Amino acid sequence: MNVKSIKIGKSPSISVDFAGEGEMLIFLHGIGGNKKNWKDNLCFFSDKFLSVAWDTRGYGESDDYEGALKFEDILDDLKKVLDFFSKDKAHIVGLSMGGQIATLFYEKYSNNVKTLTLCDTHFGLSNFNKKDVERFINIRKEPLLKGKEPKDIAPIVAETLIGDMKNTYAFNQLVDSMSLLHKDSYLKNN
């Protein structure tokens, strides 16, 4: 399998990895992730699909962006990815924040969605205890605002996200992924 990487559009350009051909299957990462989180899935599904994994604007190899985070812009970025590959419809798989993007994309561009697969996602933190929400956000945000870098907080945050601490492979992948976060863009999401 031959995985290719490209950047789509300008200001900000969106980085994607892709392989295979056929119907499009696109993978959307979570808030602490990037397109590399999907590398095994990309390889597996490329036998039957044009499998694509993207870096959301401000993540991984995609460009940072000016101003506040606007999900509307992210939805338009995703539409540009479909257009680049000349695809009218896609199967969309979204993890966490990627699941939120997927459902919002469906609301705006329902004619472009063949199926949705949502993994470990929810809409907002309003259903959670206020103190738990503050702790969740502060464990990520405060150290960064005090001068730490994403690689400094990655192990601590990963411990709060991973279910099985004995799975060192998954833990190390999560830490590696979070270490690559764009600090300013990540802070806009929290």
N, C-alpha and C. Protein backbone atom coordinates (compact mmCIF):
# COMPACT_ATOMS: atom_id res chain seq x y z
N MET A 1 0.83 -1.18 0.00
CA MET A 1 0.00 0.00 0.00
C MET A 1 0.87 1.24 0.00
N ASN A 2 0.53 2.17 -0.86
CA ASN A 2 1.31 3.38 -1.02
C ASN A 2 0.55 4.57 -0.45
N VAL A 3 0.92 5.03 0.75
CA VAL A 3 0.28 6.19 1.37
C VAL A 3 0.96 7.44 0.85
N LYS A 4 0.15 8.38 0.41
CA LYS A 4 0.65 9.66 -0.08
C LYS A 4 0.20 10.76 0.86
N SER A 5 0.97 11.84 0.92
CA SER A 5 0.62 13.01 1.72
C SER A 5 0.55 14.22 0.80
N ILE A 6 -0.47 15.05 1.02
CA ILE A 6 -0.60 16.30 0.27
C ILE A 6 -1.16 17.37 1.19
N LYS A 7 -1.04 18.62 0.73
CA LYS A 7 -1.69 19.74 1.39
C LYS A 7 -2.70 20.32 0.42
N ILE A 8 -3.89 20.59 0.93
CA ILE A 8 -5.00 21.08 0.12
C ILE A 8 -5.32 22.51 0.51
N GLY A 9 -5.47 23.37 -0.49
CA GLY A 9 -5.89 24.75 -0.25
C GLY A 9 -4.78 25.61 0.29
N LYS A 10 -5.19 26.83 0.62
CA LYS A 10 -4.25 27.83 1.14
C LYS A 10 -4.86 28.52 2.35
N SER A 11 -4.03 28.93 3.22
CA SER A 11 -4.34 29.84 4.32
C SER A 11 -5.62 29.51 5.07
N PRO A 12 -5.71 28.48 5.84
CA PRO A 12 -4.67 27.49 6.08
C PRO A 12 -4.80 26.29 5.12
N SER A 13 -3.68 25.72 4.79
CA SER A 13 -3.71 24.50 3.99
C SER A 13 -3.96 23.32 4.93
N ILE A 14 -4.65 22.33 4.40
CA ILE A 14 -5.04 21.15 5.18
C ILE A 14 -4.23 19.96 4.68
N SER A 15 -3.55 19.29 5.60
CA SER A 15 -2.71 18.15 5.27
C SER A 15 -3.52 16.86 5.37
N VAL A 16 -3.38 16.02 4.35
CA VAL A 16 -4.06 14.73 4.35
C VAL A 16 -3.10 13.62 3.93
N ASP A 17 -3.30 12.45 4.47
CA ASP A 17 -2.66 11.23 3.99
C ASP A 17 -3.77 10.43 3.31
N PHE A 18 -3.43 9.74 2.23
CA PHE A 18 -4.45 8.96 1.54
C PHE A 18 -3.85 7.77 0.83
N ALA A 19 -4.69 6.77 0.62
CA ALA A 19 -4.29 5.55 -0.09
C ALA A 19 -5.53 4.87 -0.62
N GLY A 20 -5.37 4.09 -1.67
CA GLY A 20 -6.47 3.32 -2.22
C GLY A 20 -7.29 4.09 -3.22
N GLU A 21 -8.40 3.47 -3.62
CA GLU A 21 -9.31 4.13 -4.54
C GLU A 21 -10.70 3.57 -4.33
N GLY A 22 -11.68 4.24 -4.90
CA GLY A 22 -13.07 3.85 -4.73
C GLY A 22 -13.83 4.89 -3.95
N GLU A 23 -14.88 4.43 -3.23
CA GLU A 23 -15.63 5.36 -2.40
C GLU A 23 -14.70 5.95 -1.35
N MET A 24 -14.94 7.22 -0.99
CA MET A 24 -14.09 7.89 -0.01
C MET A 24 -14.51 7.52 1.41
N LEU A 25 -13.50 7.22 2.23
CA LEU A 25 -13.65 6.98 3.66
C LEU A 25 -12.67 7.93 4.33
N ILE A 26 -13.19 8.89 5.10
CA ILE A 26 -12.30 9.89 5.70
C ILE A 26 -12.35 9.80 7.22
N PHE A 27 -11.16 9.84 7.81
CA PHE A 27 -11.00 9.71 9.26
C PHE A 27 -10.66 11.06 9.87
N LEU A 28 -11.42 11.45 10.91
CA LEU A 28 -11.26 12.73 11.60
C LEU A 28 -10.78 12.47 13.03
N HIS A 29 -9.64 13.02 13.38
CA HIS A 29 -9.04 12.78 14.71
C HIS A 29 -9.69 13.61 15.80
N GLY A 30 -9.33 13.29 17.04
CA GLY A 30 -9.82 14.00 18.21
C GLY A 30 -8.94 15.20 18.55
N ILE A 31 -9.29 15.90 19.62
CA ILE A 31 -8.65 17.16 19.99
C ILE A 31 -7.17 17.01 20.31
N GLY A 32 -6.74 15.88 20.77
CA GLY A 32 -5.33 15.69 21.08
C GLY A 32 -4.59 14.92 20.00
N GLY A 33 -5.20 14.78 18.84
CA GLY A 33 -4.64 13.89 17.83
C GLY A 33 -4.20 14.55 16.55
N ASN A 34 -3.99 13.70 15.56
CA ASN A 34 -3.63 14.12 14.21
C ASN A 34 -3.87 12.94 13.27
N LYS A 35 -3.64 13.15 12.00
CA LYS A 35 -3.94 12.13 10.99
C LYS A 35 -3.16 10.83 11.21
N LYS A 36 -2.03 10.90 11.84
CA LYS A 36 -1.22 9.69 12.07
C LYS A 36 -1.90 8.70 13.01
N ASN A 37 -2.87 9.19 13.82
CA ASN A 37 -3.61 8.29 14.70
C ASN A 37 -4.37 7.23 13.92
N TRP A 38 -4.62 7.50 12.65
CA TRP A 38 -5.43 6.61 11.82
C TRP A 38 -4.59 5.75 10.87
N LYS A 39 -3.28 5.73 11.01
CA LYS A 39 -2.43 5.07 10.02
C LYS A 39 -2.78 3.59 9.82
N ASP A 40 -3.05 2.87 10.88
CA ASP A 40 -3.41 1.45 10.74
C ASP A 40 -4.74 1.29 10.01
N ASN A 41 -5.71 2.15 10.33
CA ASN A 41 -7.01 2.10 9.67
C ASN A 41 -6.88 2.47 8.19
N LEU A 42 -6.06 3.47 7.92
CA LEU A 42 -5.84 3.92 6.54
C LEU A 42 -5.31 2.76 5.70
N CYS A 43 -4.35 2.07 6.22
CA CYS A 43 -3.76 0.92 5.51
C CYS A 43 -4.79 -0.18 5.31
N PHE A 44 -5.52 -0.52 6.36
CA PHE A 44 -6.47 -1.62 6.30
C PHE A 44 -7.58 -1.35 5.27
N PHE A 45 -8.16 -0.15 5.30
CA PHE A 45 -9.31 0.14 4.46
C PHE A 45 -8.95 0.54 3.03
N SER A 46 -7.69 0.79 2.76
CA SER A 46 -7.29 1.24 1.42
C SER A 46 -7.47 0.14 0.36
N ASP A 47 -7.65 -1.09 0.78
CA ASP A 47 -7.91 -2.17 -0.18
C ASP A 47 -9.26 -1.99 -0.89
N LYS A 48 -10.21 -1.33 -0.21
CA LYS A 48 -11.56 -1.22 -0.78
C LYS A 48 -12.05 0.21 -0.92
N PHE A 49 -11.33 1.16 -0.33
CA PHE A 49 -11.79 2.55 -0.32
C PHE A 49 -10.62 3.50 -0.64
N LEU A 50 -10.98 4.70 -1.09
CA LEU A 50 -10.03 5.80 -1.06
C LEU A 50 -10.04 6.25 0.40
N SER A 51 -9.04 5.85 1.14
CA SER A 51 -8.97 6.11 2.58
C SER A 51 -8.16 7.37 2.81
N VAL A 52 -8.74 8.29 3.55
CA VAL A 52 -8.13 9.60 3.77
C VAL A 52 -8.14 9.90 5.27
N ALA A 53 -7.03 10.39 5.78
CA ALA A 53 -6.97 10.89 7.16
C ALA A 53 -6.45 12.31 7.10
N TRP A 54 -7.10 13.21 7.80
CA TRP A 54 -6.69 14.62 7.72
C TRP A 54 -6.18 15.13 9.04
N ASP A 55 -5.45 16.23 8.95
CA ASP A 55 -5.10 17.04 10.11
C ASP A 55 -6.02 18.25 10.07
N THR A 56 -6.86 18.39 11.09
CA THR A 56 -7.72 19.57 11.19
C THR A 56 -6.84 20.81 11.21
N ARG A 57 -7.34 21.92 10.70
CA ARG A 57 -6.57 23.17 10.74
C ARG A 57 -6.01 23.39 12.16
N GLY A 58 -4.73 23.76 12.21
CA GLY A 58 -4.08 23.98 13.49
C GLY A 58 -3.57 22.71 14.17
N TYR A 59 -3.62 21.59 13.47
CA TYR A 59 -3.15 20.31 14.02
C TYR A 59 -2.17 19.66 13.06
N GLY A 60 -1.29 18.84 13.60
CA GLY A 60 -0.38 18.04 12.78
C GLY A 60 0.35 18.87 11.76
N GLU A 61 0.25 18.47 10.49
CA GLU A 61 0.96 19.15 9.41
C GLU A 61 0.10 20.19 8.70
N SER A 62 -1.14 20.40 9.17
CA SER A 62 -1.97 21.47 8.62
C SER A 62 -1.52 22.80 9.22
N ASP A 63 -1.83 23.86 8.50
CA ASP A 63 -1.42 25.19 8.94
C ASP A 63 -2.24 25.65 10.14
N ASP A 64 -1.63 26.52 10.94
CA ASP A 64 -2.36 27.23 11.98
C ASP A 64 -3.27 28.24 11.31
N TYR A 65 -4.12 28.86 12.07
CA TYR A 65 -5.07 29.81 11.51
C TYR A 65 -5.15 31.03 12.41
N GLU A 66 -5.56 32.14 11.81
CA GLU A 66 -5.71 33.39 12.55
C GLU A 66 -7.06 33.43 13.24
N GLY A 67 -7.12 34.14 14.34
CA GLY A 67 -8.40 34.36 15.01
C GLY A 67 -8.90 33.18 15.80
N ALA A 68 -10.15 33.30 16.19
CA ALA A 68 -10.79 32.28 17.02
C ALA A 68 -11.14 31.04 16.20
N LEU A 69 -11.30 29.94 16.90
CA LEU A 69 -11.75 28.71 16.26
C LEU A 69 -13.21 28.87 15.86
N LYS A 70 -13.50 28.55 14.60
CA LYS A 70 -14.87 28.55 14.10
C LYS A 70 -15.10 27.20 13.43
N PHE A 71 -16.02 26.42 14.00
CA PHE A 71 -16.29 25.11 13.41
C PHE A 71 -16.79 25.24 11.98
N GLU A 72 -17.45 26.34 11.66
CA GLU A 72 -17.93 26.58 10.30
C GLU A 72 -16.76 26.50 9.30
N ASP A 73 -15.61 27.08 9.68
CA ASP A 73 -14.43 27.03 8.81
C ASP A 73 -13.92 25.60 8.65
N ILE A 74 -13.95 24.84 9.74
CA ILE A 74 -13.50 23.45 9.70
C ILE A 74 -14.40 22.63 8.77
N LEU A 75 -15.69 22.89 8.83
CA LEU A 75 -16.64 22.17 7.95
C LEU A 75 -16.34 22.48 6.49
N ASP A 76 -16.04 23.73 6.21
CA ASP A 76 -15.69 24.11 4.84
C ASP A 76 -14.37 23.48 4.41
N ASP A 77 -13.42 23.34 5.35
CA ASP A 77 -12.16 22.65 5.05
C ASP A 77 -12.43 21.21 4.63
N LEU A 78 -13.32 20.55 5.36
CA LEU A 78 -13.65 19.16 5.06
C LEU A 78 -14.30 19.05 3.68
N LYS A 79 -15.16 19.98 3.36
CA LYS A 79 -15.79 19.98 2.04
C LYS A 79 -14.73 20.16 0.94
N LYS A 80 -13.71 20.98 1.20
CA LYS A 80 -12.63 21.17 0.23
C LYS A 80 -11.85 19.87 0.00
N VAL A 81 -11.74 19.05 1.04
CA VAL A 81 -11.06 17.77 0.88
C VAL A 81 -11.86 16.88 -0.07
N LEU A 82 -13.17 16.81 0.13
CA LEU A 82 -14.01 16.02 -0.78
C LEU A 82 -13.89 16.55 -2.20
N ASP A 83 -13.96 17.86 -2.35
CA ASP A 83 -13.88 18.48 -3.67
C ASP A 83 -12.54 18.20 -4.34
N PHE A 84 -11.46 18.24 -3.56
CA PHE A 84 -10.13 17.97 -4.11
C PHE A 84 -10.07 16.59 -4.76
N PHE A 85 -10.68 15.63 -4.10
CA PHE A 85 -10.68 14.26 -4.62
C PHE A 85 -11.85 13.99 -5.58
N SER A 86 -12.59 15.04 -5.92
CA SER A 86 -13.75 14.94 -6.82
C SER A 86 -14.76 13.91 -6.34
N LYS A 87 -15.05 13.95 -5.06
CA LYS A 87 -16.01 13.02 -4.46
C LYS A 87 -17.26 13.79 -4.02
N ASP A 88 -18.41 13.28 -4.41
CA ASP A 88 -19.68 13.89 -4.00
C ASP A 88 -20.10 13.45 -2.60
N LYS A 89 -19.69 12.22 -2.23
CA LYS A 89 -20.08 11.66 -0.94
C LYS A 89 -18.89 10.96 -0.30
N ALA A 90 -18.96 10.88 1.03
CA ALA A 90 -17.90 10.17 1.76
C ALA A 90 -18.50 9.46 2.96
N HIS A 91 -17.88 8.34 3.32
CA HIS A 91 -18.11 7.70 4.60
C HIS A 91 -17.21 8.46 5.57
N ILE A 92 -17.76 8.94 6.67
CA ILE A 92 -16.98 9.76 7.60
C ILE A 92 -16.91 9.07 8.96
N VAL A 93 -15.69 8.93 9.47
CA VAL A 93 -15.44 8.34 10.78
C VAL A 93 -14.81 9.43 11.64
N GLY A 94 -15.46 9.76 12.75
CA GLY A 94 -14.96 10.81 13.62
C GLY A 94 -14.77 10.34 15.04
N LEU A 95 -13.61 10.64 15.60
CA LEU A 95 -13.27 10.31 16.98
C LEU A 95 -13.33 11.57 17.83
N SER A 96 -14.09 11.55 18.91
CA SER A 96 -14.15 12.64 19.86
C SER A 96 -14.49 13.95 19.14
N MET A 97 -13.60 14.93 19.14
CA MET A 97 -13.84 16.18 18.43
C MET A 97 -14.15 15.90 16.96
N GLY A 98 -13.51 14.90 16.37
CA GLY A 98 -13.78 14.53 14.99
C GLY A 98 -15.22 14.07 14.80
N GLY A 99 -15.81 13.46 15.82
CA GLY A 99 -17.21 13.07 15.77
C GLY A 99 -18.12 14.30 15.78
N GLN A 100 -17.74 15.29 16.55
CA GLN A 100 -18.50 16.54 16.54
C GLN A 100 -18.42 17.20 15.16
N ILE A 101 -17.22 17.22 14.59
CA ILE A 101 -17.05 17.79 13.25
C ILE A 101 -17.91 17.00 12.25
N ALA A 102 -17.89 15.68 12.35
CA ALA A 102 -18.65 14.83 11.42
C ALA A 102 -20.14 15.14 11.47
N THR A 103 -20.71 15.26 12.67
CA THR A 103 -22.15 15.50 12.76
C THR A 103 -22.50 16.92 12.33
N LEU A 104 -21.65 17.89 12.64
CA LEU A 104 -21.89 19.26 12.16
C LEU A 104 -21.76 19.33 10.65
N PHE A 105 -20.81 18.57 10.09
CA PHE A 105 -20.66 18.50 8.64
C PHE A 105 -21.94 17.92 8.03
N TYR A 106 -22.48 16.90 8.65
CA TYR A 106 -23.72 16.30 8.16
C TYR A 106 -24.86 17.32 8.17
N GLU A 107 -24.94 18.13 9.24
CA GLU A 107 -25.99 19.15 9.30
C GLU A 107 -25.87 20.14 8.14
N LYS A 108 -24.64 20.51 7.79
CA LYS A 108 -24.43 21.53 6.75
C LYS A 108 -24.39 20.91 5.35
N TYR A 109 -23.78 19.75 5.22
CA TYR A 109 -23.54 19.13 3.91
C TYR A 109 -24.10 17.70 3.87
N SER A 110 -25.34 17.52 4.27
CA SER A 110 -25.90 16.16 4.35
C SER A 110 -25.84 15.41 3.03
N ASN A 111 -25.94 16.10 1.92
CA ASN A 111 -25.87 15.44 0.61
C ASN A 111 -24.49 14.87 0.30
N ASN A 112 -23.49 15.26 1.08
CA ASN A 112 -22.13 14.79 0.83
C ASN A 112 -21.71 13.67 1.78
N VAL A 113 -22.64 13.20 2.61
CA VAL A 113 -22.32 12.17 3.60
C VAL A 113 -23.04 10.87 3.23
N LYS A 114 -22.25 9.83 3.04
CA LYS A 114 -22.83 8.50 2.76
C LYS A 114 -23.17 7.80 4.07
N THR A 115 -22.21 7.75 5.01
CA THR A 115 -22.44 7.19 6.34
C THR A 115 -21.62 7.97 7.36
N LEU A 116 -22.06 7.90 8.61
CA LEU A 116 -21.32 8.48 9.73
C LEU A 116 -21.00 7.38 10.74
N THR A 117 -19.77 7.35 11.20
CA THR A 117 -19.38 6.48 12.30
C THR A 117 -18.78 7.38 13.37
N LEU A 118 -19.40 7.42 14.53
CA LEU A 118 -18.98 8.31 15.60
C LEU A 118 -18.38 7.50 16.74
N CYS A 119 -17.18 7.87 17.15
CA CYS A 119 -16.45 7.14 18.18
C CYS A 119 -16.18 8.05 19.37
N ASP A 120 -16.60 7.64 20.56
CA ASP A 120 -16.26 8.33 21.79
C ASP A 120 -16.44 9.84 21.67
N THR A 121 -17.64 10.26 21.33
CA THR A 121 -17.89 11.68 21.10
C THR A 121 -19.14 12.14 21.86
N HIS A 122 -19.26 13.43 22.05
CA HIS A 122 -20.42 14.03 22.69
C HIS A 122 -20.46 15.50 22.27
N PHE A 123 -21.55 16.17 22.63
CA PHE A 123 -21.67 17.58 22.26
C PHE A 123 -21.61 18.45 23.49
N GLY A 124 -20.43 18.99 23.71
CA GLY A 124 -20.25 19.89 24.83
C GLY A 124 -20.09 19.16 26.15
N LEU A 125 -19.85 19.94 27.15
CA LEU A 125 -19.59 19.37 28.47
C LEU A 125 -20.71 19.70 29.46
N SER A 126 -21.87 20.15 28.95
CA SER A 126 -22.95 20.59 29.82
C SER A 126 -23.56 19.46 30.64
N ASN A 127 -23.41 18.22 30.22
CA ASN A 127 -23.98 17.09 30.96
C ASN A 127 -23.08 16.59 32.07
N PHE A 128 -21.91 17.19 32.22
CA PHE A 128 -20.94 16.74 33.20
C PHE A 128 -20.93 17.66 34.41
N ASN A 129 -20.47 17.14 35.53
CA ASN A 129 -20.30 17.92 36.75
C ASN A 129 -19.37 19.10 36.48
N LYS A 130 -19.75 20.29 36.92
CA LYS A 130 -18.98 21.51 36.64
C LYS A 130 -17.54 21.41 37.14
N LYS A 131 -17.33 20.83 38.31
CA LYS A 131 -15.97 20.70 38.85
C LYS A 131 -15.13 19.75 38.00
N ASP A 132 -15.75 18.67 37.51
CA ASP A 132 -15.03 17.74 36.64
C ASP A 132 -14.64 18.40 35.32
N VAL A 133 -15.54 19.22 34.80
CA VAL A 133 -15.25 19.94 33.55
C VAL A 133 -14.09 20.90 33.75
N GLU A 134 -14.12 21.66 34.85
CA GLU A 134 -13.03 22.61 35.14
C GLU A 134 -11.70 21.88 35.29
N ARG A 135 -11.72 20.76 35.99
CA ARG A 135 -10.49 19.97 36.17
C ARG A 135 -9.99 19.47 34.82
N PHE A 136 -10.91 18.95 34.00
CA PHE A 136 -10.58 18.44 32.67
C PHE A 136 -9.88 19.51 31.83
N ILE A 137 -10.44 20.70 31.83
CA ILE A 137 -9.88 21.80 31.03
C ILE A 137 -8.59 22.32 31.65
N ASN A 138 -8.58 22.52 32.94
CA ASN A 138 -7.41 23.12 33.60
C ASN A 138 -6.16 22.25 33.54
N ILE A 139 -6.31 20.93 33.61
CA ILE A 139 -5.15 20.05 33.54
C ILE A 139 -4.43 20.21 32.20
N ARG A 140 -5.16 20.66 31.20
CA ARG A 140 -4.59 20.87 29.86
C ARG A 140 -4.15 22.31 29.65
N LYS A 141 -5.01 23.22 30.04
CA LYS A 141 -4.82 24.64 29.70
C LYS A 141 -3.81 25.36 30.59
N GLU A 142 -3.94 25.22 31.90
CA GLU A 142 -3.10 26.00 32.82
C GLU A 142 -1.61 25.82 32.60
N PRO A 143 -1.11 24.59 32.48
CA PRO A 143 0.34 24.44 32.27
C PRO A 143 0.82 25.12 30.97
N LEU A 144 -0.01 25.07 29.94
CA LEU A 144 0.37 25.70 28.67
C LEU A 144 0.40 27.21 28.80
N LEU A 145 -0.56 27.76 29.53
CA LEU A 145 -0.58 29.21 29.74
C LEU A 145 0.59 29.67 30.60
N LYS A 146 1.13 28.76 31.41
CA LYS A 146 2.27 29.10 32.27
C LYS A 146 3.61 28.77 31.63
N GLY A 147 3.62 28.51 30.31
CA GLY A 147 4.88 28.33 29.60
C GLY A 147 5.26 26.93 29.21
N LYS A 148 4.50 25.94 29.68
CA LYS A 148 4.80 24.57 29.28
C LYS A 148 4.43 24.37 27.81
N GLU A 149 4.96 23.32 27.23
CA GLU A 149 4.68 22.95 25.85
C GLU A 149 3.83 21.68 25.85
N PRO A 150 3.15 21.40 24.74
CA PRO A 150 2.32 20.19 24.69
C PRO A 150 3.08 18.92 25.08
N LYS A 151 4.34 18.79 24.69
CA LYS A 151 5.10 17.58 25.04
C LYS A 151 5.28 17.45 26.55
N ASP A 152 5.25 18.59 27.27
CA ASP A 152 5.41 18.56 28.73
C ASP A 152 4.16 18.00 29.43
N ILE A 153 2.99 18.28 28.86
CA ILE A 153 1.74 17.85 29.51
C ILE A 153 1.20 16.55 28.92
N ALA A 154 1.77 16.10 27.82
CA ALA A 154 1.23 14.93 27.11
C ALA A 154 1.08 13.69 28.01
N PRO A 155 2.10 13.30 28.79
CA PRO A 155 1.93 12.10 29.62
C PRO A 155 0.82 12.24 30.67
N ILE A 156 0.70 13.42 31.25
CA ILE A 156 -0.31 13.65 32.28
C ILE A 156 -1.71 13.57 31.68
N VAL A 157 -1.89 14.24 30.53
CA VAL A 157 -3.20 14.24 29.88
C VAL A 157 -3.53 12.84 29.36
N ALA A 158 -2.54 12.16 28.81
CA ALA A 158 -2.76 10.81 28.29
C ALA A 158 -3.27 9.88 29.39
N GLU A 159 -2.78 10.02 30.58
CA GLU A 159 -3.25 9.19 31.70
C GLU A 159 -4.72 9.40 31.97
N THR A 160 -5.24 10.61 31.69
CA THR A 160 -6.66 10.88 31.94
C THR A 160 -7.54 10.36 30.81
N LEU A 161 -6.94 10.00 29.69
CA LEU A 161 -7.72 9.60 28.52
C LEU A 161 -7.70 8.11 28.24
N ILE A 162 -6.62 7.45 28.58
CA ILE A 162 -6.47 6.04 28.21
C ILE A 162 -7.18 5.15 29.22
N GLY A 163 -7.81 4.13 28.74
CA GLY A 163 -8.54 3.22 29.62
C GLY A 163 -7.65 2.19 30.27
N ASP A 164 -6.70 1.65 29.53
CA ASP A 164 -5.87 0.56 30.02
C ASP A 164 -4.41 1.01 30.07
N MET A 165 -3.96 1.37 31.25
CA MET A 165 -2.58 1.85 31.41
C MET A 165 -1.55 0.76 31.12
N LYS A 166 -1.96 -0.49 31.10
CA LYS A 166 -1.05 -1.57 30.78
C LYS A 166 -0.75 -1.63 29.29
N ASN A 167 -1.58 -0.99 28.49
CA ASN A 167 -1.37 -0.96 27.05
C ASN A 167 -0.36 0.16 26.73
N THR A 168 0.91 -0.15 26.93
CA THR A 168 1.96 0.86 26.76
C THR A 168 2.08 1.32 25.30
N TYR A 169 1.78 0.45 24.36
CA TYR A 169 1.82 0.84 22.95
C TYR A 169 0.83 1.98 22.69
N ALA A 170 -0.42 1.80 23.13
CA ALA A 170 -1.45 2.83 22.93
C ALA A 170 -1.10 4.09 23.71
N PHE A 171 -0.63 3.93 24.94
CA PHE A 171 -0.26 5.09 25.75
C PHE A 171 0.85 5.89 25.07
N ASN A 172 1.89 5.21 24.60
CA ASN A 172 3.00 5.91 23.95
C ASN A 172 2.57 6.58 22.65
N GLN A 173 1.66 5.96 21.91
CA GLN A 173 1.13 6.60 20.70
C GLN A 173 0.37 7.87 21.05
N LEU A 174 -0.42 7.82 22.11
CA LEU A 174 -1.18 8.99 22.54
C LEU A 174 -0.25 10.10 22.99
N VAL A 175 0.76 9.77 23.76
CA VAL A 175 1.73 10.78 24.20
C VAL A 175 2.45 11.39 23.00
N ASP A 176 2.88 10.56 22.06
CA ASP A 176 3.54 11.07 20.85
C ASP A 176 2.63 12.01 20.08
N SER A 177 1.38 11.63 19.95
CA SER A 177 0.41 12.44 19.23
C SER A 177 0.20 13.79 19.91
N MET A 178 0.00 13.76 21.20
CA MET A 178 -0.24 15.00 21.94
C MET A 178 0.99 15.89 22.00
N SER A 179 2.15 15.30 21.93
CA SER A 179 3.40 16.08 21.94
C SER A 179 3.55 16.95 20.69
N LEU A 180 2.84 16.58 19.63
CA LEU A 180 2.93 17.31 18.36
C LEU A 180 1.88 18.40 18.22
N LEU A 181 1.07 18.60 19.25
CA LEU A 181 0.02 19.61 19.15
C LEU A 181 0.60 21.00 18.90
N HIS A 182 -0.14 21.81 18.16
CA HIS A 182 0.20 23.22 17.98
C HIS A 182 -0.37 23.95 19.19
N LYS A 183 0.49 24.47 20.02
CA LYS A 183 0.08 25.03 21.30
C LYS A 183 -1.03 26.07 21.17
N ASP A 184 -0.83 27.06 20.31
CA ASP A 184 -1.82 28.14 20.21
C ASP A 184 -3.15 27.65 19.69
N SER A 185 -3.13 26.77 18.71
CA SER A 185 -4.39 26.24 18.18
C SER A 185 -5.09 25.37 19.21
N TYR A 186 -4.34 24.58 19.94
CA TYR A 186 -4.91 23.73 20.97
C TYR A 186 -5.59 24.57 22.05
N LEU A 187 -4.96 25.66 22.44
CA LEU A 187 -5.55 26.53 23.45
C LEU A 187 -6.86 27.14 22.97
N LYS A 188 -7.01 27.36 21.67
CA LYS A 188 -8.26 27.89 21.15
C LYS A 188 -9.39 26.89 21.29
N ASN A 189 -9.07 25.60 21.37
CA ASN A 189 -10.09 24.56 21.49
C ASN A 189 -10.52 24.31 22.93
N ASN A 190 -9.78 24.79 23.88
CA ASN A 190 -10.10 24.52 25.29
C ASN A 190 -10.74 25.70 25.97
